[in-house]
Amino acid sequence: MTTAKVLGQFVRVGSDVGVIVGYYGMPDVPEDHYAIWYGQLAADGVTPSARTVPVEHCVLVDKHEFYH
């Protein structure tokens, strides 16, 4: 799935869980990749840092929990 519908979806990549924040066609995301945010920040400590991952390594997570 490489449309805006994937934005915000949780995915599992190996043993890690992240959130899709970009897909091919958006700036800096290569073809057949998603940009995944794993909660990391750039060196400035403020800017979120997302990693690009091949789509075939991403498994959509269809269940998550909310807490407050």
N, C-alpha and C. Protein backbone atom coordinates (compact mmCIF):
# COMPACT_ATOMS: atom_id res chain seq x y z
N MET A 1 0.85 -1.17 0.00
CA MET A 1 0.00 0.00 0.00
C MET A 1 0.90 1.24 0.00
N THR A 2 0.82 2.05 -1.02
CA THR A 2 1.69 3.23 -1.11
C THR A 2 0.86 4.50 -1.30
N THR A 3 -0.21 4.62 -0.55
CA THR A 3 -1.05 5.81 -0.63
C THR A 3 -1.12 6.48 0.73
N ALA A 4 -1.79 7.60 0.77
CA ALA A 4 -1.95 8.33 2.03
C ALA A 4 -2.66 7.50 3.10
N LYS A 5 -3.34 6.42 2.70
CA LYS A 5 -4.04 5.58 3.67
C LYS A 5 -3.10 4.91 4.66
N VAL A 6 -1.83 4.78 4.32
CA VAL A 6 -0.89 4.12 5.24
C VAL A 6 -0.34 5.07 6.30
N LEU A 7 -0.45 6.36 6.09
CA LEU A 7 0.09 7.32 7.06
C LEU A 7 -0.55 7.10 8.43
N GLY A 8 0.28 7.01 9.45
CA GLY A 8 -0.21 6.81 10.81
C GLY A 8 -0.41 5.36 11.19
N GLN A 9 -0.22 4.43 10.24
CA GLN A 9 -0.38 3.01 10.54
C GLN A 9 0.83 2.49 11.32
N PHE A 10 0.57 1.68 12.33
CA PHE A 10 1.65 0.99 13.02
C PHE A 10 2.14 -0.15 12.17
N VAL A 11 3.46 -0.38 12.15
CA VAL A 11 4.04 -1.50 11.43
C VAL A 11 5.08 -2.18 12.29
N ARG A 12 5.26 -3.46 12.04
CA ARG A 12 6.33 -4.22 12.67
C ARG A 12 7.39 -4.45 11.61
N VAL A 13 8.63 -4.14 11.97
CA VAL A 13 9.78 -4.38 11.10
C VAL A 13 10.75 -5.19 11.94
N GLY A 14 10.81 -6.50 11.69
CA GLY A 14 11.58 -7.38 12.56
C GLY A 14 10.93 -7.38 13.93
N SER A 15 11.69 -7.05 14.96
CA SER A 15 11.14 -7.00 16.31
C SER A 15 10.76 -5.59 16.74
N ASP A 16 10.92 -4.61 15.85
CA ASP A 16 10.61 -3.21 16.16
C ASP A 16 9.23 -2.82 15.68
N VAL A 17 8.60 -1.90 16.40
CA VAL A 17 7.30 -1.36 15.98
C VAL A 17 7.48 0.14 15.78
N GLY A 18 6.96 0.63 14.66
CA GLY A 18 7.03 2.05 14.36
C GLY A 18 5.75 2.52 13.70
N VAL A 19 5.75 3.77 13.27
CA VAL A 19 4.59 4.37 12.63
C VAL A 19 5.00 4.90 11.26
N ILE A 20 4.19 4.61 10.26
CA ILE A 20 4.46 5.11 8.90
C ILE A 20 4.18 6.61 8.85
N VAL A 21 5.21 7.37 8.47
CA VAL A 21 5.07 8.82 8.36
C VAL A 21 5.34 9.31 6.94
N GLY A 22 5.67 8.40 6.02
CA GLY A 22 5.92 8.78 4.64
C GLY A 22 5.91 7.58 3.72
N TYR A 23 5.72 7.84 2.44
CA TYR A 23 5.68 6.79 1.41
C TYR A 23 6.25 7.35 0.12
N TYR A 24 6.53 6.45 -0.85
CA TYR A 24 7.11 6.87 -2.13
C TYR A 24 6.26 7.96 -2.77
N GLY A 25 6.92 8.99 -3.23
CA GLY A 25 6.25 10.14 -3.81
C GLY A 25 6.36 11.35 -2.90
N MET A 26 6.65 11.08 -1.63
CA MET A 26 6.90 12.17 -0.68
C MET A 26 8.40 12.45 -0.69
N PRO A 27 8.80 13.66 -0.29
CA PRO A 27 10.23 13.99 -0.32
C PRO A 27 11.10 13.00 0.46
N ASP A 28 12.19 12.59 -0.16
CA ASP A 28 13.23 11.74 0.45
C ASP A 28 12.82 10.30 0.73
N VAL A 29 11.68 9.84 0.20
CA VAL A 29 11.29 8.44 0.39
C VAL A 29 11.47 7.72 -0.95
N PRO A 30 12.41 6.75 -1.00
CA PRO A 30 12.67 6.04 -2.25
C PRO A 30 11.49 5.16 -2.69
N GLU A 31 11.52 4.78 -3.95
CA GLU A 31 10.50 3.89 -4.49
C GLU A 31 10.46 2.59 -3.68
N ASP A 32 9.25 2.07 -3.47
CA ASP A 32 9.02 0.82 -2.73
C ASP A 32 9.50 0.87 -1.29
N HIS A 33 9.47 2.05 -0.68
CA HIS A 33 9.86 2.23 0.73
C HIS A 33 8.77 3.00 1.48
N TYR A 34 8.76 2.81 2.79
CA TYR A 34 8.01 3.67 3.70
C TYR A 34 9.02 4.40 4.57
N ALA A 35 8.64 5.56 5.07
CA ALA A 35 9.41 6.24 6.11
C ALA A 35 8.76 5.86 7.43
N ILE A 36 9.54 5.26 8.32
CA ILE A 36 9.02 4.76 9.58
C ILE A 36 9.64 5.55 10.73
N TRP A 37 8.80 6.01 11.65
CA TRP A 37 9.30 6.69 12.84
C TRP A 37 9.23 5.73 14.01
N TYR A 38 10.38 5.52 14.64
CA TYR A 38 10.50 4.61 15.78
C TYR A 38 10.62 5.37 17.10
N GLY A 39 10.29 6.64 17.12
CA GLY A 39 10.37 7.45 18.33
C GLY A 39 11.71 8.14 18.52
N GLN A 40 12.58 8.05 17.51
CA GLN A 40 13.90 8.66 17.63
C GLN A 40 13.88 10.13 17.21
N LEU A 41 14.79 10.88 17.82
CA LEU A 41 14.95 12.29 17.47
C LEU A 41 16.32 12.50 16.84
N ALA A 42 16.40 13.53 15.99
CA ALA A 42 17.67 13.90 15.36
C ALA A 42 18.62 14.44 16.43
N ALA A 43 19.84 14.73 16.04
CA ALA A 43 20.88 15.19 16.96
C ALA A 43 20.49 16.46 17.72
N ASP A 44 19.58 17.27 17.15
CA ASP A 44 19.17 18.49 17.84
C ASP A 44 18.24 18.23 19.02
N GLY A 45 17.78 16.98 19.15
CA GLY A 45 16.92 16.60 20.26
C GLY A 45 15.47 17.03 20.12
N VAL A 46 15.13 17.62 18.98
CA VAL A 46 13.77 18.14 18.77
C VAL A 46 13.12 17.54 17.53
N THR A 47 13.87 17.42 16.45
CA THR A 47 13.34 17.00 15.16
C THR A 47 13.18 15.48 15.12
N PRO A 48 11.95 14.98 14.83
CA PRO A 48 11.77 13.54 14.69
C PRO A 48 12.61 13.00 13.53
N SER A 49 13.19 11.83 13.71
CA SER A 49 14.03 11.20 12.71
C SER A 49 13.38 9.90 12.25
N ALA A 50 13.02 9.83 10.97
CA ALA A 50 12.36 8.65 10.41
C ALA A 50 13.33 7.90 9.50
N ARG A 51 13.23 6.59 9.52
CA ARG A 51 14.09 5.73 8.71
C ARG A 51 13.28 5.21 7.52
N THR A 52 13.89 5.16 6.33
CA THR A 52 13.21 4.56 5.19
C THR A 52 13.49 3.06 5.19
N VAL A 53 12.43 2.29 4.95
CA VAL A 53 12.47 0.83 5.03
C VAL A 53 11.75 0.27 3.82
N PRO A 54 12.31 -0.77 3.17
CA PRO A 54 11.59 -1.39 2.06
C PRO A 54 10.19 -1.88 2.49
N VAL A 55 9.21 -1.64 1.66
CA VAL A 55 7.83 -2.00 1.96
C VAL A 55 7.70 -3.48 2.33
N GLU A 56 8.46 -4.35 1.66
CA GLU A 56 8.30 -5.79 1.91
C GLU A 56 8.74 -6.21 3.31
N HIS A 57 9.46 -5.35 4.02
CA HIS A 57 9.88 -5.66 5.40
C HIS A 57 8.86 -5.20 6.44
N CYS A 58 7.83 -4.50 5.99
CA CYS A 58 6.84 -3.90 6.91
C CYS A 58 5.58 -4.76 6.98
N VAL A 59 5.20 -5.09 8.21
CA VAL A 59 3.96 -5.84 8.45
C VAL A 59 3.03 -4.93 9.23
N LEU A 60 1.86 -4.64 8.64
CA LEU A 60 0.91 -3.75 9.30
C LEU A 60 0.43 -4.38 10.61
N VAL A 61 0.36 -3.57 11.65
CA VAL A 61 -0.14 -3.99 12.96
C VAL A 61 -1.59 -3.52 13.04
N ASP A 62 -2.52 -4.45 13.16
CA ASP A 62 -3.93 -4.07 13.13
C ASP A 62 -4.54 -3.91 14.52
N LYS A 63 -3.75 -4.10 15.56
CA LYS A 63 -4.27 -3.96 16.92
C LYS A 63 -3.28 -3.13 17.74
N HIS A 64 -3.79 -2.13 18.43
CA HIS A 64 -2.96 -1.35 19.34
C HIS A 64 -3.81 -0.91 20.52
N GLU A 65 -3.17 -0.42 21.52
CA GLU A 65 -3.85 -0.04 22.77
C GLU A 65 -3.68 1.44 23.02
N PHE A 66 -4.71 2.05 23.56
CA PHE A 66 -4.64 3.45 23.97
C PHE A 66 -4.56 3.53 25.48
N TYR A 67 -3.86 4.53 25.99
CA TYR A 67 -3.86 4.78 27.43
C TYR A 67 -3.74 6.27 27.66
N HIS A 68 -4.12 6.69 28.85
CA HIS A 68 -4.10 8.12 29.19
C HIS A 68 -3.47 8.30 30.55
